[in-house]
């Protein structure tokens, strides 16, 4: 497998593995929130009597659910904890980050490069990715839709799990088989982890269900997970270790923030000389902080101008060079 390439952008870090100009795996990190591996002193703000679980508050004000609390820890006590999972935002509710007590020294959350290295991957920082389908990837993640020959998968984050639905024009067995490569590719491209349900077409024949199970097992052989066999309704559940939000979860939770980051990335890549004019929907402009705007001016060495256009779709913002 190819090395991971990492861009440290404005408001996010991005990592990809490429096959030619196609992204086969991707991750994004939006700094500023609790992340797995972060160790910090926090305050126990609530705990039910006799329970090993409670809520802790960090210096940033963000709260996390804490497990394995010592018996003598009372509300108001200071605790050193390690974050085991970042917060997740799903349709219908927000899930707090998770943490547990530790005696290790405080440390910030690992960077993308550090995480990948800890997993045994080779990774290198680059000024920008070589030509690849990043824009298409983000567009697919925003829609939650991926097309394949004669069909489409739709990926939906829900409070219970991430659901993958399959639709198409082929007969059920052939449609299920055709969807497997699209599903396995989507898992890596969108960094999908946690509990994932796949709703295959209903297959009445046990031999057909067994055939899909075998093809899926072979396709996912490289991906650490547990999996149920397909039931009579065509449903399969995958479970993989959950530490962070997927691309789909992040964009669904904060579409304006995602659009703002995408626009800033495009602006950094304008090659023509002159000031930078960013044409943007007003809600996306509001999502771009003063710190991000200053970073864009500093990184490009350009004057920044704005054209606010309510008629633009939030994801359709663009940047161009204009006379100073």
Protein backbone atom coordinates (compact mmCIF):
# COMPACT_ATOMS: atom_id res chain seq x y z
CA UNK A 1 0.00 0.00 0.00
CA UNK A 2 1.19 3.52 -0.81
CA UNK A 3 2.49 5.85 1.89
CA UNK A 4 0.12 8.32 3.50
CA UNK A 5 0.51 11.94 2.41
CA UNK A 6 -0.44 14.71 4.84
CA UNK A 7 -1.46 18.31 4.16
CA UNK A 8 -1.61 20.66 7.11
CA UNK A 9 -4.33 23.03 5.97
CA UNK A 10 -6.15 25.94 7.56
CA UNK A 11 -8.54 24.62 10.19
CA UNK A 12 -7.82 20.99 9.36
CA UNK A 13 -5.16 18.44 8.58
CA UNK A 14 -5.79 15.98 5.77
CA UNK A 15 -4.22 12.61 5.00
CA UNK A 16 -4.65 10.41 1.93
CA UNK A 17 -3.35 7.25 0.37
CA UNK A 18 -3.32 7.37 -3.40
CA UNK A 19 -3.47 4.86 -6.20
CA UNK A 20 -2.57 6.97 -9.20
CA UNK A 21 -4.88 9.98 -8.89
CA UNK A 22 -7.53 8.11 -6.90
CA UNK A 23 -7.82 8.40 -3.11
CA UNK A 24 -8.10 4.91 -1.65
CA UNK A 25 -8.05 6.03 2.01
CA UNK A 26 -8.46 9.39 3.71
CA UNK A 27 -8.64 10.98 7.15
CA UNK A 28 -9.22 14.52 8.37
CA UNK A 29 -8.51 16.14 11.70
CA UNK A 30 -10.23 19.32 12.86
CA UNK A 31 -8.21 20.68 15.81
CA UNK A 32 -9.73 22.44 18.79
CA UNK A 33 -11.82 19.60 20.23
CA UNK A 34 -10.95 16.66 22.43
CA UNK A 35 -9.29 13.83 20.52
CA UNK A 36 -8.23 10.28 21.31
CA UNK A 37 -4.83 10.08 22.98
CA UNK A 38 -5.04 13.52 24.62
CA UNK A 39 -4.11 13.48 28.33
CA UNK A 40 -5.15 16.41 30.49
CA UNK A 41 -6.26 17.32 33.98
CA UNK A 42 -10.04 17.73 34.23
CA UNK A 43 -12.67 18.25 36.91
CA UNK A 44 -15.28 15.65 37.81
CA UNK A 45 -18.53 17.59 37.50
CA UNK A 46 -21.10 14.83 38.00
CA UNK A 47 -21.26 11.27 39.22
CA UNK A 48 -24.05 9.01 40.43
CA UNK A 49 -23.40 7.42 43.79
CA UNK A 50 -21.80 4.00 43.47
CA UNK A 51 -21.20 4.36 39.73
CA UNK A 52 -17.80 4.16 38.05
CA UNK A 53 -19.03 6.54 35.36
CA UNK A 54 -19.39 10.30 35.43
CA UNK A 55 -18.79 13.51 33.49
CA UNK A 56 -15.55 15.49 33.50
CA UNK A 57 -14.93 19.01 32.25
CA UNK A 58 -11.68 20.08 30.60
CA UNK A 59 -10.04 23.50 30.73
CA UNK A 60 -11.49 24.25 27.29
CA UNK A 61 -15.00 23.81 28.72
CA UNK A 62 -15.66 20.66 26.69
CA UNK A 63 -17.05 17.75 28.66
CA UNK A 64 -16.50 14.02 28.33
CA UNK A 65 -17.99 10.87 29.77
CA UNK A 66 -15.46 9.22 32.08
CA UNK A 67 -15.37 5.53 32.97
CA UNK A 68 -13.39 3.52 35.54
CA UNK A 69 -13.57 6.34 38.08
CA UNK A 70 -11.82 5.62 41.40
CA UNK A 71 -14.18 5.00 44.29
CA UNK A 72 -13.00 8.03 46.27
CA UNK A 73 -13.37 10.56 43.42
CA UNK A 74 -16.15 12.98 44.30
CA UNK A 75 -17.75 15.81 42.34
CA UNK A 76 -15.37 18.76 42.12
CA UNK A 77 -12.26 16.56 42.31
CA UNK A 78 -9.39 17.04 39.87
CA UNK A 79 -8.65 13.98 37.73
CA UNK A 80 -6.06 13.29 35.08
CA UNK A 81 -7.77 11.52 32.20
CA UNK A 82 -6.96 10.23 28.75
CA UNK A 83 -9.45 10.75 25.94
CA UNK A 84 -10.34 7.44 24.32
CA UNK A 85 -12.86 8.71 21.76
CA UNK A 86 -13.64 12.10 20.32
CA UNK A 87 -17.13 13.59 20.49
CA UNK A 88 -19.51 12.48 17.75
CA UNK A 89 -22.36 14.45 16.22
CA UNK A 90 -25.11 12.43 14.59
CA UNK A 91 -28.56 13.21 13.31
CA UNK A 92 -30.73 13.63 16.36
CA UNK A 93 -28.10 13.93 19.07
CA UNK A 94 -24.51 14.70 20.05
CA UNK A 95 -22.36 12.15 21.86
CA UNK A 96 -19.79 13.45 24.31
CA UNK A 97 -16.17 12.42 24.06
CA UNK A 98 -15.11 9.49 26.23
CA UNK A 99 -12.20 9.38 28.70
CA UNK A 100 -10.74 7.33 31.53
CA UNK A 101 -8.38 8.11 34.43
CA UNK A 102 -4.63 7.75 33.89
CA UNK A 103 -1.35 8.41 35.69
CA UNK A 104 0.52 9.24 32.48
CA UNK A 105 2.01 12.68 31.88
CA UNK A 106 -0.19 15.29 30.19
CA UNK A 107 0.16 15.51 26.41
CA UNK A 108 -1.74 16.99 23.50
CA UNK A 109 -3.67 14.79 21.12
CA UNK A 110 -1.40 13.04 18.61
CA UNK A 111 -1.15 14.65 15.18
CA UNK A 112 -2.34 12.81 12.10
CA UNK A 113 1.25 11.89 11.31
CA UNK A 114 1.80 10.56 14.83
CA UNK A 115 -1.40 8.51 14.70
CA UNK A 116 -0.52 6.95 11.38
CA UNK A 117 3.02 6.21 12.53
CA UNK A 118 1.70 4.55 15.71
CA UNK A 119 -0.44 2.30 13.51
CA UNK A 120 2.66 1.22 11.58
CA UNK A 121 2.08 3.34 8.48
CA UNK A 122 4.65 5.41 6.64
CA UNK A 123 3.52 9.03 6.35
CA UNK A 124 5.09 12.24 5.09
CA UNK A 125 4.10 15.89 5.12
CA UNK A 126 3.65 17.54 1.74
CA UNK A 127 2.93 21.14 0.80
CA UNK A 128 -0.03 19.91 -1.24
CA UNK A 129 -1.30 16.61 -2.53
CA UNK A 130 -0.44 15.61 -6.08
CA UNK A 131 -3.41 15.69 -8.48
CA UNK A 132 -6.18 13.57 -6.98
CA UNK A 133 -9.95 13.44 -6.47
CA UNK A 134 -10.12 15.29 -3.13
CA UNK A 135 -12.94 17.60 -4.25
CA UNK A 136 -14.93 14.61 -5.49
CA UNK A 137 -14.32 12.76 -2.23
CA UNK A 138 -15.64 15.67 -0.13
CA UNK A 139 -18.62 16.02 -2.47
CA UNK A 140 -19.48 12.33 -2.05
CA UNK A 141 -19.06 12.59 1.72
CA UNK A 142 -21.36 15.64 1.86
CA UNK A 143 -24.07 13.81 -0.09
CA UNK A 144 -23.40 10.44 1.50
CA UNK A 145 -23.77 8.86 -1.92
CA UNK A 146 -21.42 6.74 -4.03
CA UNK A 147 -22.35 5.45 -7.48
CA UNK A 148 -21.20 2.15 -8.96
CA UNK A 149 -22.14 0.32 -12.16
CA UNK A 150 -25.93 -0.16 -12.19
CA UNK A 151 -26.38 1.09 -8.63
CA UNK A 152 -25.62 3.38 -5.74
CA UNK A 153 -24.87 3.16 -2.03
CA UNK A 154 -26.21 5.75 0.39
CA UNK A 155 -24.40 6.26 3.70
CA UNK A 156 -26.33 7.77 6.60
CA UNK A 157 -25.04 8.54 10.11
CA UNK A 158 -27.66 7.70 12.73
CA UNK A 159 -27.58 7.66 16.56
CA UNK A 160 -27.36 3.86 16.57
CA UNK A 161 -24.88 3.23 13.75
CA UNK A 162 -23.76 4.27 10.29
CA UNK A 163 -26.18 2.74 7.78
CA UNK A 164 -25.29 1.80 4.21
CA UNK A 165 -28.24 1.27 1.87
CA UNK A 166 -27.94 -0.30 -1.58
CA UNK A 167 -30.11 0.54 -4.56
CA UNK A 168 -29.85 -0.37 -8.22
CA UNK A 169 -31.34 -2.02 -11.28
CA UNK A 170 -29.65 -5.43 -11.17
CA UNK A 171 -31.29 -8.59 -9.81
CA UNK A 172 -30.79 -8.80 -6.01
CA UNK A 173 -27.87 -11.28 -5.95
CA UNK A 174 -26.00 -9.47 -8.72
CA UNK A 175 -26.71 -6.08 -7.14
CA UNK A 176 -25.35 -7.26 -3.79
CA UNK A 177 -22.18 -8.60 -5.40
CA UNK A 178 -21.70 -5.41 -7.42
CA UNK A 179 -22.08 -3.27 -4.29
CA UNK A 180 -19.34 -5.00 -2.27
CA UNK A 181 -16.37 -3.22 -3.97
CA UNK A 182 -18.11 0.17 -3.57
CA UNK A 183 -18.77 -0.52 0.11
CA UNK A 184 -15.24 -1.67 0.91
CA UNK A 185 -13.80 1.34 -0.94
CA UNK A 186 -16.13 3.71 0.95
CA UNK A 187 -15.01 2.36 4.33
CA UNK A 188 -11.44 3.52 3.70
CA UNK A 189 -12.18 6.61 1.63
CA UNK A 190 -14.54 8.05 4.25
CA UNK A 191 -12.69 6.63 7.28
CA UNK A 192 -15.82 4.82 8.45
CA UNK A 193 -15.43 3.03 11.80
CA UNK A 194 -17.59 2.05 14.75
CA UNK A 195 -20.86 0.18 14.23
CA UNK A 196 -21.84 -0.02 10.55
CA UNK A 197 -24.99 -1.65 9.22
CA UNK A 198 -25.24 -2.73 5.57
CA UNK A 199 -28.71 -3.26 4.14
CA UNK A 200 -28.16 -5.60 1.19
CA UNK A 201 -31.07 -6.63 -1.06
CA UNK A 202 -33.13 -9.40 0.53
CA UNK A 203 -31.90 -12.80 -0.63
CA UNK A 204 -34.23 -15.72 0.06
CA UNK A 205 -31.68 -18.39 -0.86
CA UNK A 206 -29.21 -19.24 1.92
CA UNK A 207 -26.59 -20.12 -0.69
CA UNK A 208 -26.84 -16.60 -2.13
CA UNK A 209 -26.45 -15.07 1.34
CA UNK A 210 -23.46 -17.29 2.04
CA UNK A 211 -21.87 -16.26 -1.27
CA UNK A 212 -22.18 -12.57 -0.36
CA UNK A 213 -20.71 -13.25 3.09
CA UNK A 214 -17.70 -14.95 1.51
CA UNK A 215 -17.09 -12.15 -0.99
CA UNK A 216 -17.45 -9.51 1.73
CA UNK A 217 -15.09 -11.40 4.06
CA UNK A 218 -12.43 -11.57 1.36
CA UNK A 219 -12.86 -7.88 0.46
CA UNK A 220 -12.51 -6.82 4.12
CA UNK A 221 -9.65 -9.16 4.99
CA UNK A 222 -7.26 -6.18 5.36
CA UNK A 223 -9.65 -4.15 7.57
CA UNK A 224 -9.70 -4.98 11.33
CA UNK A 225 -13.30 -5.61 12.35
CA UNK A 226 -15.91 -8.05 13.53
CA UNK A 227 -18.85 -8.97 11.34
CA UNK A 228 -22.19 -10.76 11.53
CA UNK A 229 -23.39 -13.15 8.84
CA UNK A 230 -26.11 -11.83 6.55
CA UNK A 231 -29.56 -12.45 8.01
CA UNK A 232 -32.69 -13.35 6.09
CA UNK A 233 -33.46 -9.69 5.44
CA UNK A 234 -30.05 -8.97 3.88
CA UNK A 235 -28.63 -7.10 6.88
CA UNK A 236 -24.96 -7.31 7.86
CA UNK A 237 -23.33 -5.48 10.78
CA UNK A 238 -19.66 -4.51 10.94
CA UNK A 239 -17.96 -3.29 14.11
CA UNK A 240 -14.55 -1.58 14.06
CA UNK A 241 -12.72 0.33 16.79
CA UNK A 242 -14.16 3.83 17.11
CA UNK A 243 -11.85 6.71 18.12
CA UNK A 244 -12.77 9.54 15.76
CA UNK A 245 -15.46 10.90 13.52
CA UNK A 246 -15.54 9.85 9.87
CA UNK A 247 -15.52 12.32 6.99
CA UNK A 248 -19.26 11.78 6.61
CA UNK A 249 -19.95 12.41 10.30
CA UNK A 250 -17.84 15.56 10.38
CA UNK A 251 -19.43 17.10 7.31
CA UNK A 252 -22.96 16.13 8.37
CA UNK A 253 -22.38 17.68 11.80
CA UNK A 254 -20.87 20.94 10.50
CA UNK A 255 -21.53 21.40 6.76
CA UNK A 256 -20.76 25.13 6.87
CA UNK A 257 -17.44 24.53 8.63
CA UNK A 258 -16.61 21.88 6.04
CA UNK A 259 -17.48 24.25 3.19
CA UNK A 260 -15.35 26.98 4.76
CA UNK A 261 -12.33 24.69 5.02
CA UNK A 262 -12.83 23.54 1.43
CA UNK A 263 -12.91 27.15 0.19
CA UNK A 264 -9.72 28.02 2.07
CA UNK A 265 -7.98 25.01 0.53
CA UNK A 266 -9.05 26.15 -2.94
CA UNK A 267 -7.85 29.67 -2.20
CA UNK A 268 -4.40 28.43 -1.20
CA UNK A 269 -4.07 26.79 -4.62
CA UNK A 270 -4.79 29.85 -6.77
CA UNK A 271 -1.63 30.29 -8.83
CA UNK A 272 -2.32 33.52 -10.75
CA UNK A 273 -0.80 36.68 -9.25
CA UNK A 274 -2.87 39.32 -7.48
CA UNK A 275 -5.14 39.69 -4.48
CA UNK A 276 -7.43 36.80 -3.55
CA UNK A 277 -11.14 37.30 -4.10
CA UNK A 278 -13.28 34.73 -2.31
CA UNK A 279 -16.88 34.44 -3.50
CA UNK A 280 -18.93 32.80 -0.79
CA UNK A 281 -22.36 32.25 0.71
CA UNK A 282 -22.87 34.53 3.76
CA UNK A 283 -23.27 31.57 6.15
CA UNK A 284 -19.95 30.11 5.01
CA UNK A 285 -18.29 33.51 5.37
CA UNK A 286 -19.53 33.62 8.95
CA UNK A 287 -17.91 30.23 9.58
CA UNK A 288 -14.46 31.51 8.58
CA UNK A 289 -12.80 32.86 11.69
CA UNK A 290 -10.50 35.85 11.80
CA UNK A 291 -7.68 33.45 12.67
CA UNK A 292 -8.33 31.41 9.54
CA UNK A 293 -8.47 34.52 7.34
CA UNK A 294 -5.18 35.77 8.81
CA UNK A 295 -3.63 32.34 8.19
CA UNK A 296 -4.73 32.46 4.55
CA UNK A 297 -3.21 35.92 4.08
CA UNK A 298 0.02 34.82 5.76
CA UNK A 299 0.36 31.53 3.88
CA UNK A 300 -0.36 33.05 0.47
CA UNK A 301 1.24 36.48 1.00
CA UNK A 302 -1.86 38.07 -0.55
CA UNK A 303 -4.52 40.61 0.26
CA UNK A 304 -7.88 38.92 0.91
CA UNK A 305 -11.14 40.29 -0.50
CA UNK A 306 -14.67 38.95 -0.17
CA UNK A 307 -17.70 38.77 -2.41
CA UNK A 308 -20.76 37.68 -0.42
CA UNK A 309 -23.34 36.01 -2.66
CA UNK A 310 -26.50 34.54 -1.09
CA UNK A 311 -27.29 32.88 -4.42
CA UNK A 312 -24.23 30.63 -4.14
CA UNK A 313 -24.76 27.19 -2.64
CA UNK A 314 -22.70 26.83 0.56
CA UNK A 315 -20.39 24.30 -1.08
CA UNK A 316 -19.98 26.28 -4.30
CA UNK A 317 -17.65 29.01 -3.03
CA UNK A 318 -14.62 29.77 -5.18
CA UNK A 319 -11.44 31.83 -5.14
CA UNK A 320 -9.71 33.77 -7.90
CA UNK A 321 -6.88 36.22 -8.33
CA UNK A 322 -7.80 39.87 -9.02
CA UNK A 323 -5.91 43.10 -9.38
CA UNK A 324 -4.82 44.47 -5.96
